[in-house]
Amino acid sequence: MSKTPPPYPEPRGLLKGKTVVVTAAAGTGIGFSVAQRAAEEGATLLISDFHERRLGEAADRIAEKTGTRPETFV
């Protein structure tokens, strides 16, 4: 049994031209992961959370990784 995780899939532009809205995206859990992956796949992204500072930090992390900063809504 291998302990190496499977490789992270390369982006294929599956969401190019689509808009994705993700709630609860300010943390480090599922919401943030979904938002980051959607951005990697080319989506126009709106992320939302009630933690304004953390939401801004999440948007910055997504922008740093993908080159596109999502819109935010508190």
PDB file of N, CA and C in Angstrom:
ATOM      1  N   MET A   1       0.839  -1.165   0.000  1.00  0.00           N
ATOM      2  CA  MET A   1       0.000   0.000   0.000  1.00  0.00           C
ATOM      3  C   MET A   1       0.897   1.246   0.000  1.00  0.00           C
ATOM      4  N   SER A   2       0.647   2.141  -0.953  1.00  0.00           N
ATOM      5  CA  SER A   2       1.435   3.361  -1.091  1.00  0.00           C
ATOM      6  C   SER A   2       0.912   4.450  -0.152  1.00  0.00           C
ATOM      7  N   LYS A   3       1.832   5.178   0.470  1.00  0.00           N
ATOM      8  CA  LYS A   3       1.437   6.281   1.341  1.00  0.00           C
ATOM      9  C   LYS A   3       1.539   7.622   0.623  1.00  0.00           C
ATOM     10  N   THR A   4       1.899   7.599  -0.639  1.00  0.00           N
ATOM     11  CA  THR A   4       1.996   8.822  -1.413  1.00  0.00           C
ATOM     12  C   THR A   4       0.610   9.220  -1.910  1.00  0.00           C
ATOM     13  N   PRO A   5       0.200  10.470  -1.674  1.00  0.00           N
ATOM     14  CA  PRO A   5      -1.119  10.890  -2.169  1.00  0.00           C
ATOM     15  C   PRO A   5      -1.112  10.960  -3.695  1.00  0.00           C
ATOM     16  N   PRO A   6      -2.280  10.851  -4.299  1.00  0.00           N
ATOM     17  CA  PRO A   6      -2.325  10.957  -5.761  1.00  0.00           C
ATOM     18  C   PRO A   6      -1.904  12.356  -6.194  1.00  0.00           C
ATOM     19  N   PRO A   7      -1.395  12.484  -7.414  1.00  0.00           N
ATOM     20  CA  PRO A   7      -0.965  13.810  -7.866  1.00  0.00           C
ATOM     21  C   PRO A   7      -2.144  14.768  -7.989  1.00  0.00           C
ATOM     22  N   TYR A   8      -1.878  16.049  -7.732  1.00  0.00           N
ATOM     23  CA  TYR A   8      -2.908  17.077  -7.857  1.00  0.00           C
ATOM     24  C   TYR A   8      -3.203  17.246  -9.339  1.00  0.00           C
ATOM     25  N   PRO A   9      -4.479  17.189  -9.743  1.00  0.00           N
ATOM     26  CA  PRO A   9      -4.790  17.271 -11.175  1.00  0.00           C
ATOM     27  C   PRO A   9      -4.472  18.644 -11.762  1.00  0.00           C
ATOM     28  N   GLU A  10      -3.929  18.641 -12.962  1.00  0.00           N
ATOM     29  CA  GLU A  10      -3.633  19.883 -13.673  1.00  0.00           C
ATOM     30  C   GLU A  10      -4.933  20.567 -14.080  1.00  0.00           C
ATOM     31  N   PRO A  11      -5.001  21.895 -14.011  1.00  0.00           N
ATOM     32  CA  PRO A  11      -6.199  22.611 -14.466  1.00  0.00           C
ATOM     33  C   PRO A  11      -6.425  22.390 -15.957  1.00  0.00           C
ATOM     34  N   ARG A  12      -7.690  22.230 -16.333  1.00  0.00           N
ATOM     35  CA  ARG A  12      -8.033  22.009 -17.740  1.00  0.00           C
ATOM     36  C   ARG A  12      -9.007  23.058 -18.266  1.00  0.00           C
ATOM     37  N   GLY A  13      -9.246  24.121 -17.501  1.00  0.00           N
ATOM     38  CA  GLY A  13     -10.139  25.177 -17.954  1.00  0.00           C
ATOM     39  C   GLY A  13     -11.596  24.760 -18.009  1.00  0.00           C
ATOM     40  N   LEU A  14     -11.978  23.821 -17.156  1.00  0.00           N
ATOM     41  CA  LEU A  14     -13.336  23.280 -17.188  1.00  0.00           C
ATOM     42  C   LEU A  14     -14.410  24.307 -16.833  1.00  0.00           C
ATOM     43  N   LEU A  15     -14.047  25.377 -16.129  1.00  0.00           N
ATOM     44  CA  LEU A  15     -15.040  26.371 -15.708  1.00  0.00           C
ATOM     45  C   LEU A  15     -14.841  27.725 -16.391  1.00  0.00           C
ATOM     46  N   LYS A  16     -14.044  27.756 -17.431  1.00  0.00           N
ATOM     47  CA  LYS A  16     -13.818  29.003 -18.176  1.00  0.00           C
ATOM     48  C   LYS A  16     -15.144  29.521 -18.718  1.00  0.00           C
ATOM     49  N   GLY A  17     -15.420  30.800 -18.474  1.00  0.00           N
ATOM     50  CA  GLY A  17     -16.671  31.397 -18.919  1.00  0.00           C
ATOM     51  C   GLY A  17     -17.832  31.192 -17.958  1.00  0.00           C
ATOM     52  N   LYS A  18     -17.592  30.521 -16.848  1.00  0.00           N
ATOM     53  CA  LYS A  18     -18.628  30.278 -15.839  1.00  0.00           C
ATOM     54  C   LYS A  18     -18.373  31.160 -14.621  1.00  0.00           C
ATOM     55  N   THR A  19     -19.436  31.458 -13.892  1.00  0.00           N
ATOM     56  CA  THR A  19     -19.328  32.193 -12.636  1.00  0.00           C
ATOM     57  C   THR A  19     -19.667  31.244 -11.498  1.00  0.00           C
ATOM     58  N   VAL A  20     -18.823  31.243 -10.478  1.00  0.00           N
ATOM     59  CA  VAL A  20     -19.009  30.362  -9.328  1.00  0.00           C
ATOM     60  C   VAL A  20     -19.105  31.220  -8.072  1.00  0.00           C
ATOM     61  N   VAL A  21     -20.114  30.956  -7.245  1.00  0.00           N
ATOM     62  CA  VAL A  21     -20.287  31.625  -5.957  1.00  0.00           C
ATOM     63  C   VAL A  21     -20.033  30.587  -4.869  1.00  0.00           C
ATOM     64  N   VAL A  22     -19.114  30.894  -3.964  1.00  0.00           N
ATOM     65  CA  VAL A  22     -18.779  29.966  -2.880  1.00  0.00           C
ATOM     66  C   VAL A  22     -18.969  30.691  -1.554  1.00  0.00           C
ATOM     67  N   THR A  23     -19.781  30.114  -0.675  1.00  0.00           N
ATOM     68  CA  THR A  23     -19.975  30.669   0.664  1.00  0.00           C
ATOM     69  C   THR A  23     -19.053  29.952   1.642  1.00  0.00           C
ATOM     70  N   ALA A  24     -18.829  30.566   2.786  1.00  0.00           N
ATOM     71  CA  ALA A  24     -17.952  30.011   3.831  1.00  0.00           C
ATOM     72  C   ALA A  24     -16.565  29.725   3.267  1.00  0.00           C
ATOM     73  N   ALA A  25     -16.027  30.686   2.522  1.00  0.00           N
ATOM     74  CA  ALA A  25     -14.759  30.483   1.823  1.00  0.00           C
ATOM     75  C   ALA A  25     -13.561  31.107   2.528  1.00  0.00           C
ATOM     76  N   ALA A  26     -13.739  31.660   3.730  1.00  0.00           N
ATOM     77  CA  ALA A  26     -12.654  32.390   4.389  1.00  0.00           C
ATOM     78  C   ALA A  26     -11.722  31.507   5.199  1.00  0.00           C
ATOM     79  N   GLY A  27     -12.072  30.295   5.423  1.00  0.00           N
ATOM     80  CA  GLY A  27     -11.247  29.437   6.267  1.00  0.00           C
ATOM     81  C   GLY A  27     -10.230  28.646   5.480  1.00  0.00           C
ATOM     82  N   THR A  28      -9.939  27.461   5.965  1.00  0.00           N
ATOM     83  CA  THR A  28      -9.000  26.571   5.289  1.00  0.00           C
ATOM     84  C   THR A  28      -9.671  25.253   4.950  1.00  0.00           C
ATOM     85  N   GLY A  29     -10.996  25.232   4.981  1.00  0.00           N
ATOM     86  CA  GLY A  29     -11.726  23.986   4.774  1.00  0.00           C
ATOM     87  C   GLY A  29     -12.258  23.825   3.367  1.00  0.00           C
ATOM     88  N   ILE A  30     -13.394  23.169   3.290  1.00  0.00           N
ATOM     89  CA  ILE A  30     -13.986  22.815   2.007  1.00  0.00           C
ATOM     90  C   ILE A  30     -14.330  24.049   1.177  1.00  0.00           C
ATOM     91  N   GLY A  31     -14.915  25.077   1.789  1.00  0.00           N
ATOM     92  CA  GLY A  31     -15.287  26.276   1.033  1.00  0.00           C
ATOM     93  C   GLY A  31     -14.094  26.908   0.347  1.00  0.00           C
ATOM     94  N   PHE A  32     -13.006  27.072   1.084  1.00  0.00           N
ATOM     95  CA  PHE A  32     -11.801  27.657   0.495  1.00  0.00           C
ATOM     96  C   PHE A  32     -11.240  26.761  -0.598  1.00  0.00           C
ATOM     97  N   SER A  33     -11.202  25.466  -0.351  1.00  0.00           N
ATOM     98  CA  SER A  33     -10.661  24.530  -1.340  1.00  0.00           C
ATOM     99  C   SER A  33     -11.474  24.535  -2.627  1.00  0.00           C
ATOM    100  N   VAL A  34     -12.793  24.564  -2.499  1.00  0.00           N
ATOM    101  CA  VAL A  34     -13.661  24.617  -3.680  1.00  0.00           C
ATOM    102  C   VAL A  34     -13.415  25.916  -4.444  1.00  0.00           C
ATOM    103  N   ALA A  35     -13.320  27.025  -3.721  1.00  0.00           N
ATOM    104  CA  ALA A  35     -13.090  28.316  -4.369  1.00  0.00           C
ATOM    105  C   ALA A  35     -11.754  28.329  -5.110  1.00  0.00           C
ATOM    106  N   GLN A  36     -10.725  27.839  -4.467  1.00  0.00           N
ATOM    107  CA  GLN A  36      -9.405  27.825  -5.098  1.00  0.00           C
ATOM    108  C   GLN A  36      -9.409  26.962  -6.350  1.00  0.00           C
ATOM    109  N   ARG A  37     -10.007  25.783  -6.258  1.00  0.00           N
ATOM    110  CA  ARG A  37     -10.032  24.892  -7.425  1.00  0.00           C
ATOM    111  C   ARG A  37     -10.859  25.493  -8.557  1.00  0.00           C
ATOM    112  N   ALA A  38     -11.985  26.131  -8.229  1.00  0.00           N
ATOM    113  CA  ALA A  38     -12.804  26.771  -9.260  1.00  0.00           C
ATOM    114  C   ALA A  38     -11.997  27.858  -9.970  1.00  0.00           C
ATOM    115  N   ALA A  39     -11.238  28.637  -9.210  1.00  0.00           N
ATOM    116  CA  ALA A  39     -10.398  29.672  -9.818  1.00  0.00           C
ATOM    117  C   ALA A  39      -9.327  29.045 -10.706  1.00  0.00           C
ATOM    118  N   GLU A  40      -8.736  27.955 -10.247  1.00  0.00           N
ATOM    119  CA  GLU A  40      -7.733  27.259 -11.054  1.00  0.00           C
ATOM    120  C   GLU A  40      -8.320  26.769 -12.372  1.00  0.00           C
ATOM    121  N   GLU A  41      -9.587  26.401 -12.352  1.00  0.00           N
ATOM    122  CA  GLU A  41     -10.249  25.897 -13.561  1.00  0.00           C
ATOM    123  C   GLU A  41     -10.806  27.016 -14.438  1.00  0.00           C
ATOM    124  N   GLY A  42     -10.523  28.279 -14.075  1.00  0.00           N
ATOM    125  CA  GLY A  42     -10.865  29.391 -14.939  1.00  0.00           C
ATOM    126  C   GLY A  42     -12.164  30.103 -14.649  1.00  0.00           C
ATOM    127  N   ALA A  43     -12.815  29.794 -13.548  1.00  0.00           N
ATOM    128  CA  ALA A  43     -14.101  30.423 -13.224  1.00  0.00           C
ATOM    129  C   ALA A  43     -13.920  31.873 -12.796  1.00  0.00           C
ATOM    130  N   THR A  44     -14.919  32.684 -13.087  1.00  0.00           N
ATOM    131  CA  THR A  44     -15.050  33.991 -12.462  1.00  0.00           C
ATOM    132  C   THR A  44     -15.618  33.698 -11.080  1.00  0.00           C
ATOM    133  N   LEU A  45     -14.998  34.215 -10.046  1.00  0.00           N
ATOM    134  CA  LEU A  45     -15.294  33.747  -8.699  1.00  0.00           C
ATOM    135  C   LEU A  45     -15.778  34.865  -7.783  1.00  0.00           C
ATOM    136  N   LEU A  46     -16.824  34.567  -7.022  1.00  0.00           N
ATOM    137  CA  LEU A  46     -17.304  35.415  -5.931  1.00  0.00           C
ATOM    138  C   LEU A  46     -17.269  34.558  -4.677  1.00  0.00           C
ATOM    139  N   ILE A  47     -16.499  35.000  -3.682  1.00  0.00           N
ATOM    140  CA  ILE A  47     -16.446  34.256  -2.423  1.00  0.00           C
ATOM    141  C   ILE A  47     -17.076  35.101  -1.326  1.00  0.00           C
ATOM    142  N   SER A  48     -17.657  34.414  -0.353  1.00  0.00           N
ATOM    143  CA  SER A  48     -18.391  35.096   0.709  1.00  0.00           C
ATOM    144  C   SER A  48     -18.119  34.432   2.052  1.00  0.00           C
ATOM    145  N   ASP A  49     -18.155  35.247   3.101  1.00  0.00           N
ATOM    146  CA  ASP A  49     -18.042  34.750   4.469  1.00  0.00           C
ATOM    147  C   ASP A  49     -18.367  35.917   5.395  1.00  0.00           C
ATOM    148  N   PHE A  50     -18.599  35.654   6.672  1.00  0.00           N
ATOM    149  CA  PHE A  50     -18.883  36.743   7.604  1.00  0.00           C
ATOM    150  C   PHE A  50     -17.629  37.226   8.322  1.00  0.00           C
ATOM    151  N   HIS A  51     -16.476  36.614   8.081  1.00  0.00           N
ATOM    152  CA  HIS A  51     -15.191  37.052   8.638  1.00  0.00           C
ATOM    153  C   HIS A  51     -14.486  37.903   7.581  1.00  0.00           C
ATOM    154  N   GLU A  52     -14.676  39.211   7.647  1.00  0.00           N
ATOM    155  CA  GLU A  52     -14.173  40.105   6.595  1.00  0.00           C
ATOM    156  C   GLU A  52     -12.657  40.021   6.411  1.00  0.00           C
ATOM    157  N   ARG A  53     -11.903  40.063   7.495  1.00  0.00           N
ATOM    158  CA  ARG A  53     -10.439  40.023   7.391  1.00  0.00           C
ATOM    159  C   ARG A  53      -9.971  38.709   6.782  1.00  0.00           C
ATOM    160  N   ARG A  54     -10.502  37.602   7.288  1.00  0.00           N
ATOM    161  CA  ARG A  54     -10.105  36.293   6.767  1.00  0.00           C
ATOM    162  C   ARG A  54     -10.542  36.107   5.320  1.00  0.00           C
ATOM    163  N   LEU A  55     -11.678  36.687   4.955  1.00  0.00           N
ATOM    164  CA  LEU A  55     -12.143  36.597   3.571  1.00  0.00           C
ATOM    165  C   LEU A  55     -11.162  37.308   2.638  1.00  0.00           C
ATOM    166  N   GLY A  56     -10.704  38.481   3.054  1.00  0.00           N
ATOM    167  CA  GLY A  56      -9.705  39.199   2.258  1.00  0.00           C
ATOM    168  C   GLY A  56      -8.413  38.414   2.124  1.00  0.00           C
ATOM    169  N   GLU A  57      -8.000  37.773   3.220  1.00  0.00           N
ATOM    170  CA  GLU A  57      -6.792  36.948   3.188  1.00  0.00           C
ATOM    171  C   GLU A  57      -6.973  35.758   2.251  1.00  0.00           C
ATOM    172  N   ALA A  58      -8.158  35.151   2.276  1.00  0.00           N
ATOM    173  CA  ALA A  58      -8.442  34.024   1.384  1.00  0.00           C
ATOM    174  C   ALA A  58      -8.398  34.476  -0.070  1.00  0.00           C
ATOM    175  N   ALA A  59      -8.978  35.637  -0.355  1.00  0.00           N
ATOM    176  CA  ALA A  59      -8.954  36.171  -1.723  1.00  0.00           C
ATOM    177  C   ALA A  59      -7.518  36.425  -2.169  1.00  0.00           C
ATOM    178  N   ASP A  60      -6.697  36.940  -1.263  1.00  0.00           N
ATOM    179  CA  ASP A  60      -5.287  37.181  -1.583  1.00  0.00           C
ATOM    180  C   ASP A  60      -4.555  35.876  -1.875  1.00  0.00           C
ATOM    181  N   ARG A  61      -4.817  34.829  -1.081  1.00  0.00           N
ATOM    182  CA  ARG A  61      -4.167  33.530  -1.307  1.00  0.00           C
ATOM    183  C   ARG A  61      -4.577  32.937  -2.650  1.00  0.00           C
ATOM    184  N   ILE A  62      -5.863  33.062  -2.987  1.00  0.00           N
ATOM    185  CA  ILE A  62      -6.340  32.543  -4.270  1.00  0.00           C
ATOM    186  C   ILE A  62      -5.688  33.324  -5.412  1.00  0.00           C
ATOM    187  N   ALA A  63      -5.611  34.642  -5.274  1.00  0.00           N
ATOM    188  CA  ALA A  63      -4.989  35.474  -6.311  1.00  0.00           C
ATOM    189  C   ALA A  63      -3.515  35.125  -6.485  1.00  0.00           C
ATOM    190  N   GLU A  64      -2.835  34.900  -5.368  1.00  0.00           N
ATOM    191  CA  GLU A  64      -1.419  34.555  -5.412  1.00  0.00           C
ATOM    192  C   GLU A  64      -1.194  33.245  -6.163  1.00  0.00           C
ATOM    193  N   LYS A  65      -2.070  32.283  -5.938  1.00  0.00           N
ATOM    194  CA  LYS A  65      -1.906  30.963  -6.558  1.00  0.00           C
ATOM    195  C   LYS A  65      -2.400  30.926  -8.002  1.00  0.00           C
ATOM    196  N   THR A  66      -3.470  31.667  -8.314  1.00  0.00           N
ATOM    197  CA  THR A  66      -4.099  31.534  -9.635  1.00  0.00           C
ATOM    198  C   THR A  66      -3.889  32.733 -10.547  1.00  0.00           C
ATOM    199  N   GLY A  67      -3.480  33.874  -9.986  1.00  0.00           N
ATOM    200  CA  GLY A  67      -3.298  35.068 -10.796  1.00  0.00           C
ATOM    201  C   GLY A  67      -4.561  35.897 -10.966  1.00  0.00           C
ATOM    202  N   THR A  68      -5.670  35.447 -10.421  1.00  0.00           N
ATOM    203  CA  THR A  68      -6.933  36.172 -10.514  1.00  0.00           C
ATOM    204  C   THR A  68      -7.525  36.316  -9.119  1.00  0.00           C
ATOM    205  N   ARG A  69      -7.808  37.567  -8.717  1.00  0.00           N
ATOM    206  CA  ARG A  69      -8.382  37.792  -7.385  1.00  0.00           C
ATOM    207  C   ARG A  69      -9.900  37.719  -7.470  1.00  0.00           C
ATOM    208  N   PRO A  70     -10.520  36.874  -6.653  1.00  0.00           N
ATOM    209  CA  PRO A  70     -11.979  36.788  -6.666  1.00  0.00           C
ATOM    210  C   PRO A  70     -12.631  38.023  -6.053  1.00  0.00           C
ATOM    211  N   GLU A  71     -13.849  38.284  -6.447  1.00  0.00           N
ATOM    212  CA  GLU A  71     -14.659  39.305  -5.786  1.00  0.00           C
ATOM    213  C   GLU A  71     -15.053  38.756  -4.419  1.00  0.00           C
ATOM    214  N   THR A  72     -15.258  39.640  -3.446  1.00  0.00           N
ATOM    215  CA  THR A  72     -15.645  39.197  -2.104  1.00  0.00           C
ATOM    216  C   THR A  72     -16.942  39.867  -1.686  1.00  0.00           C
ATOM    217  N   PHE A  73     -17.680  39.175  -0.817  1.00  0.00           N
ATOM    218  CA  PHE A  73     -18.929  39.700  -0.280  1.00  0.00           C
ATOM    219  C   PHE A  73     -19.062  39.236   1.155  1.00  0.00           C
ATOM    220  N   VAL A  74     -19.205  40.187   2.070  1.00  0.00           N
ATOM    221  CA  VAL A  74     -19.338  39.856   3.495  1.00  0.00           C
ATOM    222  C   VAL A  74     -20.801  39.827   3.856  1.00  0.00           C
TER     223      VAL A  74
END
